[in-house]
N, C-alpha and C. Protein backbone atom coordinates (compact mmCIF):
# COMPACT_ATOMS: atom_id res chain seq x y z
N MET A 1 108.27 77.07 108.85
CA MET A 1 107.04 77.16 109.59
C MET A 1 106.19 78.31 109.05
N VAL A 2 104.89 78.10 108.84
CA VAL A 2 103.96 79.10 108.35
C VAL A 2 103.26 79.74 109.54
N VAL A 3 103.21 81.06 109.55
CA VAL A 3 102.57 81.81 110.62
C VAL A 3 101.43 82.62 110.03
N VAL A 4 100.22 82.50 110.60
CA VAL A 4 99.07 83.28 110.15
C VAL A 4 98.90 84.43 111.12
N SER A 5 98.76 85.64 110.59
CA SER A 5 98.67 86.80 111.46
C SER A 5 97.94 87.93 110.76
N ALA A 6 97.82 89.04 111.47
CA ALA A 6 97.24 90.26 110.92
C ALA A 6 98.25 91.37 111.12
N GLY A 7 98.17 92.39 110.29
CA GLY A 7 99.09 93.51 110.42
C GLY A 7 98.64 94.67 109.56
N LYS A 8 99.48 95.68 109.56
CA LYS A 8 99.21 96.87 108.75
C LYS A 8 100.41 97.13 107.85
N ILE A 9 100.12 97.58 106.65
CA ILE A 9 101.19 97.96 105.73
C ILE A 9 101.82 99.24 106.27
N ILE A 10 103.13 99.19 106.51
CA ILE A 10 103.83 100.36 107.06
C ILE A 10 104.73 101.03 106.03
N ARG A 11 105.10 100.31 104.99
CA ARG A 11 105.89 100.90 103.90
C ARG A 11 105.47 100.23 102.61
N PHE A 12 105.39 101.04 101.55
CA PHE A 12 105.09 100.47 100.25
C PHE A 12 105.70 101.35 99.18
N ASP A 13 106.52 100.76 98.33
CA ASP A 13 107.14 101.45 97.20
C ASP A 13 106.38 101.07 95.95
N ASP A 14 105.53 101.98 95.50
CA ASP A 14 104.67 101.72 94.35
C ASP A 14 105.47 101.50 93.07
N VAL A 15 106.62 102.15 92.95
CA VAL A 15 107.45 102.01 91.75
C VAL A 15 108.09 100.63 91.69
N ARG A 16 108.66 100.20 92.79
CA ARG A 16 109.33 98.89 92.83
C ARG A 16 108.36 97.75 93.12
N GLY A 17 107.20 98.09 93.70
CA GLY A 17 106.17 97.08 93.92
C GLY A 17 106.34 96.21 95.16
N TYR A 18 107.08 96.69 96.13
CA TYR A 18 107.22 95.89 97.35
C TYR A 18 107.03 96.77 98.58
N GLY A 19 106.84 96.10 99.72
CA GLY A 19 106.65 96.83 100.96
C GLY A 19 106.78 95.92 102.16
N PHE A 20 106.37 96.44 103.32
CA PHE A 20 106.48 95.69 104.56
C PHE A 20 105.21 95.84 105.39
N ILE A 21 104.89 94.77 106.10
CA ILE A 21 103.74 94.70 106.99
C ILE A 21 104.27 94.63 108.42
N ALA A 22 103.70 95.44 109.32
CA ALA A 22 104.02 95.35 110.75
C ALA A 22 102.97 94.47 111.39
N PRO A 23 103.39 93.35 111.98
CA PRO A 23 102.42 92.47 112.64
C PRO A 23 101.73 93.19 113.80
N VAL A 24 100.44 92.96 113.97
CA VAL A 24 99.67 93.60 115.03
C VAL A 24 100.25 93.25 116.40
N GLY A 25 100.66 92.03 116.62
CA GLY A 25 101.19 91.61 117.91
C GLY A 25 102.65 91.96 118.12
N GLY A 26 103.24 92.68 117.20
CA GLY A 26 104.66 93.02 117.29
C GLY A 26 105.51 91.97 116.60
N GLY A 27 106.77 92.23 116.53
CA GLY A 27 107.70 91.30 115.87
C GLY A 27 108.30 91.92 114.63
N GLU A 28 109.05 91.11 113.92
CA GLU A 28 109.77 91.57 112.74
C GLU A 28 108.80 91.88 111.60
N ASP A 29 109.08 92.98 110.87
CA ASP A 29 108.25 93.35 109.72
C ASP A 29 108.33 92.25 108.67
N VAL A 30 107.24 92.09 107.92
CA VAL A 30 107.11 91.03 106.93
C VAL A 30 107.15 91.64 105.52
N PHE A 31 108.03 91.13 104.69
CA PHE A 31 108.18 91.59 103.31
C PHE A 31 107.03 91.07 102.45
N PHE A 32 106.56 91.91 101.51
CA PHE A 32 105.59 91.46 100.51
C PHE A 32 105.88 92.14 99.18
N HIS A 33 105.37 91.54 98.12
CA HIS A 33 105.41 92.15 96.79
C HIS A 33 103.98 92.41 96.37
N ALA A 34 103.76 93.47 95.61
CA ALA A 34 102.40 93.83 95.18
C ALA A 34 101.71 92.68 94.48
N ASN A 35 102.45 91.87 93.76
CA ASN A 35 101.85 90.74 93.04
C ASN A 35 101.24 89.71 94.00
N ASP A 36 101.69 89.71 95.28
CA ASP A 36 101.11 88.80 96.27
C ASP A 36 99.63 89.10 96.51
N PHE A 37 99.18 90.31 96.16
CA PHE A 37 97.79 90.72 96.36
C PHE A 37 96.91 90.45 95.15
N GLY A 38 97.50 89.92 94.08
CA GLY A 38 96.72 89.59 92.89
C GLY A 38 95.97 90.80 92.34
N GLU A 39 94.67 90.62 92.08
CA GLU A 39 93.85 91.68 91.50
C GLU A 39 93.66 92.88 92.43
N SER A 40 93.97 92.73 93.70
CA SER A 40 93.80 93.81 94.67
C SER A 40 95.04 94.70 94.79
N ARG A 41 96.07 94.43 94.01
CA ARG A 41 97.33 95.16 94.16
C ARG A 41 97.18 96.67 93.94
N HIS A 42 96.20 97.09 93.18
CA HIS A 42 96.00 98.52 92.94
C HIS A 42 95.45 99.25 94.18
N LEU A 43 95.01 98.50 95.19
CA LEU A 43 94.45 99.09 96.41
C LEU A 43 95.50 99.34 97.49
N LEU A 44 96.73 98.90 97.26
CA LEU A 44 97.76 98.96 98.29
C LEU A 44 98.11 100.39 98.68
N GLN A 45 98.19 100.59 100.01
CA GLN A 45 98.61 101.88 100.56
C GLN A 45 99.04 101.67 102.01
N VAL A 46 99.85 102.58 102.49
CA VAL A 46 100.29 102.53 103.88
C VAL A 46 99.07 102.67 104.79
N GLY A 47 99.05 101.86 105.85
CA GLY A 47 97.95 101.90 106.82
C GLY A 47 96.89 100.85 106.58
N LEU A 48 96.94 100.17 105.45
CA LEU A 48 95.95 99.15 105.11
C LEU A 48 96.12 97.93 106.01
N THR A 49 95.01 97.42 106.53
CA THR A 49 95.04 96.23 107.39
C THR A 49 94.94 94.98 106.52
N VAL A 50 95.78 93.99 106.83
CA VAL A 50 95.83 92.76 106.05
C VAL A 50 95.91 91.54 106.98
N ARG A 51 95.53 90.40 106.45
CA ARG A 51 95.76 89.10 107.09
C ARG A 51 96.70 88.36 106.15
N TYR A 52 97.64 87.65 106.73
CA TYR A 52 98.66 87.01 105.89
C TYR A 52 99.21 85.75 106.53
N GLU A 53 99.82 84.95 105.69
CA GLU A 53 100.63 83.82 106.13
C GLU A 53 102.06 84.18 105.76
N ALA A 54 102.99 83.96 106.67
CA ALA A 54 104.38 84.30 106.41
C ALA A 54 105.26 83.08 106.61
N ILE A 55 106.36 83.08 105.88
CA ILE A 55 107.37 82.05 106.04
C ILE A 55 108.72 82.74 106.24
N ALA A 56 109.66 82.00 106.77
CA ALA A 56 111.01 82.54 106.97
C ALA A 56 111.71 82.58 105.62
N GLY A 57 112.19 83.75 105.25
CA GLY A 57 112.97 83.90 104.03
C GLY A 57 114.43 84.08 104.37
N ASP A 58 115.26 84.22 103.34
CA ASP A 58 116.70 84.40 103.55
C ASP A 58 117.02 85.68 104.33
N ARG A 59 116.19 86.73 104.14
CA ARG A 59 116.44 88.02 104.81
C ARG A 59 115.40 88.35 105.87
N GLY A 60 114.60 87.39 106.27
CA GLY A 60 113.57 87.63 107.26
C GLY A 60 112.22 87.12 106.77
N PRO A 61 111.17 87.36 107.54
CA PRO A 61 109.86 86.83 107.14
C PRO A 61 109.36 87.46 105.86
N LYS A 62 108.67 86.63 105.06
CA LYS A 62 108.07 87.13 103.83
C LYS A 62 106.69 86.50 103.68
N VAL A 63 105.84 87.19 102.95
CA VAL A 63 104.46 86.77 102.77
C VAL A 63 104.40 85.53 101.90
N LEU A 64 103.60 84.58 102.33
CA LEU A 64 103.28 83.40 101.53
C LEU A 64 101.94 83.63 100.84
N SER A 65 100.97 84.11 101.61
CA SER A 65 99.68 84.51 101.06
C SER A 65 99.18 85.69 101.87
N VAL A 66 98.39 86.56 101.24
CA VAL A 66 97.93 87.77 101.92
C VAL A 66 96.61 88.23 101.32
N ARG A 67 95.78 88.86 102.17
CA ARG A 67 94.54 89.45 101.67
C ARG A 67 94.24 90.70 102.48
N ILE A 68 93.58 91.64 101.85
CA ILE A 68 93.16 92.87 102.51
C ILE A 68 91.98 92.54 103.41
N VAL A 69 91.99 93.08 104.62
CA VAL A 69 90.89 92.86 105.56
C VAL A 69 89.79 93.86 105.27
N ASP A 70 88.59 93.35 105.04
CA ASP A 70 87.43 94.20 104.87
C ASP A 70 87.07 94.74 106.25
N PRO A 71 86.95 96.06 106.42
CA PRO A 71 86.65 96.62 107.74
C PRO A 71 85.42 96.00 108.39
N ALA A 72 84.46 95.52 107.63
CA ALA A 72 83.25 94.92 108.19
C ALA A 72 83.53 93.51 108.74
N ASP A 73 84.63 92.90 108.33
CA ASP A 73 84.94 91.53 108.72
C ASP A 73 85.54 91.39 110.11
N SER A 74 86.15 92.44 110.63
CA SER A 74 86.94 92.28 111.84
C SER A 74 87.00 93.54 112.65
N ALA A 75 87.04 93.39 113.96
CA ALA A 75 87.23 94.54 114.84
C ALA A 75 88.60 95.17 114.58
N LEU A 76 89.55 94.37 114.13
CA LEU A 76 90.88 94.86 113.82
C LEU A 76 90.82 95.95 112.77
N GLY A 77 89.95 95.79 111.80
CA GLY A 77 89.87 96.77 110.73
C GLY A 77 88.62 97.62 110.79
N SER A 78 87.88 97.61 111.90
CA SER A 78 86.63 98.36 111.95
C SER A 78 86.89 99.85 111.88
N ALA A 79 85.95 100.54 111.29
CA ALA A 79 86.08 101.98 111.11
C ALA A 79 85.97 102.68 112.46
N PRO A 80 86.86 103.63 112.72
CA PRO A 80 86.80 104.36 113.97
C PRO A 80 85.60 105.31 114.00
N ASP A 81 85.29 105.83 115.19
CA ASP A 81 84.16 106.73 115.36
C ASP A 81 84.19 107.89 114.38
N TRP A 82 85.37 108.49 114.16
CA TRP A 82 85.43 109.67 113.30
C TRP A 82 85.02 109.34 111.87
N GLU A 83 85.27 108.11 111.40
CA GLU A 83 84.85 107.75 110.06
C GLU A 83 83.34 107.49 110.01
N ARG A 84 82.80 106.88 111.07
CA ARG A 84 81.37 106.61 111.09
C ARG A 84 80.58 107.91 111.17
N ARG A 85 81.13 108.92 111.87
CA ARG A 85 80.44 110.20 112.00
C ARG A 85 80.61 111.09 110.78
N ALA A 86 81.64 110.83 109.97
CA ALA A 86 81.98 111.73 108.87
C ALA A 86 80.82 112.01 107.94
N GLY A 87 80.03 111.02 107.63
CA GLY A 87 78.92 111.22 106.72
C GLY A 87 77.80 112.05 107.32
N SER A 88 77.72 112.15 108.65
CA SER A 88 76.63 112.87 109.28
C SER A 88 77.12 114.10 110.04
N ALA A 89 78.33 114.56 109.75
CA ALA A 89 78.90 115.68 110.49
C ALA A 89 78.14 116.98 110.27
N ALA A 90 77.68 117.21 109.08
CA ALA A 90 76.97 118.46 108.79
C ALA A 90 75.48 118.19 108.69
N ASP A 91 74.69 118.97 109.43
CA ASP A 91 73.24 118.87 109.34
C ASP A 91 72.77 119.58 108.08
N ASP A 92 71.50 119.47 107.78
CA ASP A 92 70.95 120.13 106.61
C ASP A 92 71.11 121.64 106.65
N ASP A 93 71.18 122.22 107.86
CA ASP A 93 71.29 123.67 107.98
C ASP A 93 72.74 124.15 107.85
N GLY A 94 73.68 123.25 107.54
CA GLY A 94 75.07 123.63 107.33
C GLY A 94 75.89 123.69 108.61
N MET A 95 75.28 123.39 109.75
CA MET A 95 75.98 123.42 111.03
C MET A 95 76.70 122.08 111.24
N CYS A 96 77.73 122.11 112.05
CA CYS A 96 78.45 120.87 112.35
C CYS A 96 78.46 120.64 113.85
N ASP A 97 78.71 119.41 114.25
CA ASP A 97 78.79 119.07 115.66
C ASP A 97 80.06 119.66 116.27
N VAL A 98 79.93 120.13 117.50
CA VAL A 98 81.09 120.59 118.26
C VAL A 98 81.49 119.45 119.17
N LEU A 99 82.76 119.09 119.12
CA LEU A 99 83.26 117.96 119.92
C LEU A 99 83.92 118.45 121.19
N ALA A 100 83.86 117.61 122.21
CA ALA A 100 84.64 117.86 123.42
C ALA A 100 86.11 117.67 123.06
N SER A 101 86.98 118.37 123.75
CA SER A 101 88.42 118.30 123.48
C SER A 101 88.92 116.87 123.47
N ARG A 102 88.55 116.07 124.45
CA ARG A 102 89.03 114.69 124.56
C ARG A 102 88.56 113.85 123.38
N GLU A 103 87.31 114.03 122.98
CA GLU A 103 86.77 113.28 121.84
C GLU A 103 87.51 113.66 120.56
N PHE A 104 87.78 114.95 120.40
CA PHE A 104 88.51 115.41 119.22
C PHE A 104 89.92 114.83 119.20
N LEU A 105 90.61 114.84 120.36
CA LEU A 105 91.96 114.28 120.43
C LEU A 105 91.96 112.79 120.09
N THR A 106 90.97 112.07 120.59
CA THR A 106 90.87 110.64 120.30
C THR A 106 90.69 110.42 118.81
N ASP A 107 89.80 111.20 118.20
CA ASP A 107 89.55 111.05 116.76
C ASP A 107 90.80 111.37 115.94
N VAL A 108 91.50 112.45 116.30
CA VAL A 108 92.73 112.82 115.58
C VAL A 108 93.77 111.71 115.72
N THR A 109 93.93 111.19 116.93
CA THR A 109 94.91 110.13 117.16
C THR A 109 94.59 108.89 116.33
N GLU A 110 93.32 108.48 116.34
CA GLU A 110 92.91 107.31 115.55
C GLU A 110 93.16 107.55 114.06
N MET A 111 92.86 108.75 113.58
CA MET A 111 93.08 109.05 112.17
C MET A 111 94.56 108.98 111.82
N LEU A 112 95.41 109.54 112.67
CA LEU A 112 96.85 109.51 112.41
C LEU A 112 97.39 108.09 112.42
N LEU A 113 96.99 107.30 113.41
CA LEU A 113 97.47 105.93 113.50
C LEU A 113 97.01 105.10 112.32
N ARG A 114 95.80 105.35 111.85
CA ARG A 114 95.26 104.57 110.74
C ARG A 114 95.90 104.94 109.40
N HIS A 115 96.19 106.23 109.21
CA HIS A 115 96.66 106.68 107.91
C HIS A 115 98.15 106.98 107.84
N VAL A 116 98.80 107.21 108.98
CA VAL A 116 100.24 107.48 109.00
C VAL A 116 100.87 106.71 110.16
N PRO A 117 100.86 105.38 110.10
CA PRO A 117 101.32 104.58 111.23
C PRO A 117 102.81 104.73 111.55
N SER A 118 103.57 105.36 110.68
CA SER A 118 105.00 105.51 110.93
C SER A 118 105.32 106.71 111.83
N LEU A 119 104.31 107.53 112.19
CA LEU A 119 104.56 108.66 113.08
C LEU A 119 104.99 108.16 114.47
N THR A 120 105.87 108.92 115.10
CA THR A 120 106.27 108.59 116.46
C THR A 120 105.25 109.16 117.44
N GLY A 121 105.30 108.71 118.67
CA GLY A 121 104.41 109.24 119.70
C GLY A 121 104.57 110.74 119.88
N ALA A 122 105.80 111.22 119.88
CA ALA A 122 106.06 112.65 120.05
C ALA A 122 105.47 113.46 118.89
N GLN A 123 105.58 112.92 117.67
CA GLN A 123 105.00 113.61 116.52
C GLN A 123 103.48 113.66 116.62
N ILE A 124 102.87 112.57 117.05
CA ILE A 124 101.42 112.53 117.19
C ILE A 124 100.96 113.55 118.23
N ILE A 125 101.66 113.64 119.35
CA ILE A 125 101.30 114.60 120.40
C ILE A 125 101.36 116.03 119.86
N GLU A 126 102.40 116.36 119.11
CA GLU A 126 102.52 117.72 118.56
C GLU A 126 101.43 118.01 117.53
N VAL A 127 101.14 117.05 116.67
CA VAL A 127 100.08 117.24 115.67
C VAL A 127 98.74 117.42 116.37
N ARG A 128 98.46 116.60 117.38
CA ARG A 128 97.19 116.73 118.12
C ARG A 128 97.07 118.11 118.74
N LYS A 129 98.14 118.62 119.35
CA LYS A 129 98.11 119.95 119.97
C LYS A 129 97.76 121.00 118.93
N GLN A 130 98.40 120.93 117.78
CA GLN A 130 98.14 121.92 116.73
C GLN A 130 96.69 121.83 116.23
N PHE A 131 96.17 120.62 116.10
CA PHE A 131 94.78 120.44 115.66
C PHE A 131 93.80 121.00 116.69
N VAL A 132 94.04 120.75 117.97
CA VAL A 132 93.14 121.26 119.01
C VAL A 132 93.16 122.79 119.02
N ASP A 133 94.35 123.38 118.94
CA ASP A 133 94.43 124.85 118.89
C ASP A 133 93.67 125.39 117.68
N TYR A 134 93.83 124.76 116.55
CA TYR A 134 93.14 125.17 115.33
C TYR A 134 91.62 125.00 115.49
N GLY A 135 91.20 123.85 116.03
CA GLY A 135 89.78 123.59 116.24
C GLY A 135 89.14 124.58 117.20
N ARG A 136 89.85 124.93 118.27
CA ARG A 136 89.34 125.92 119.22
C ARG A 136 89.19 127.28 118.55
N ALA A 137 90.17 127.67 117.74
CA ALA A 137 90.14 128.96 117.06
C ALA A 137 88.93 129.08 116.12
N HIS A 138 88.46 127.94 115.63
CA HIS A 138 87.33 127.95 114.69
C HIS A 138 86.01 127.55 115.36
N GLY A 139 86.04 127.29 116.65
CA GLY A 139 84.82 126.95 117.37
C GLY A 139 84.35 125.52 117.16
N TRP A 140 85.25 124.64 116.73
CA TRP A 140 84.89 123.24 116.48
C TRP A 140 85.09 122.39 117.72
N VAL A 141 85.90 122.89 118.67
CA VAL A 141 86.26 122.12 119.85
C VAL A 141 85.94 122.96 121.08
N GLU A 142 85.27 122.32 122.06
CA GLU A 142 85.00 122.99 123.32
C GLU A 142 86.20 122.88 124.23
N ASN A 143 86.32 123.78 125.17
CA ASN A 143 87.43 123.73 126.14
C ASN A 143 87.28 122.58 127.09
């Protein structure tokens, strides 16, 4: 049976050329080989959003076909607020926007989930705390 789904690359071994996709809806990770991406194989990295068809293999699900999701194509891959603001963070006078604590925490969480999806919840909470303390010390975050 062929299953069409979306997911994120959670592991990728560039030397061996294979990795695994975590389905967005949950379930067993899906095996892929870099060659499954054709000319796009050089773009592979952990955190990348993909759409794929999977089939049952001898050791679990494996990719039948796969493509990288263009962030403009889907809400699943849309750029978070922190990426949309990144280009306009500094005004011409060299000043930057000061964020509310909650907004900063949300941005940090989204960044971590997008770029390091293998972090645990406890690790994310600790990293967020350290970032907020650092941001407050530099005047980037309001209390």
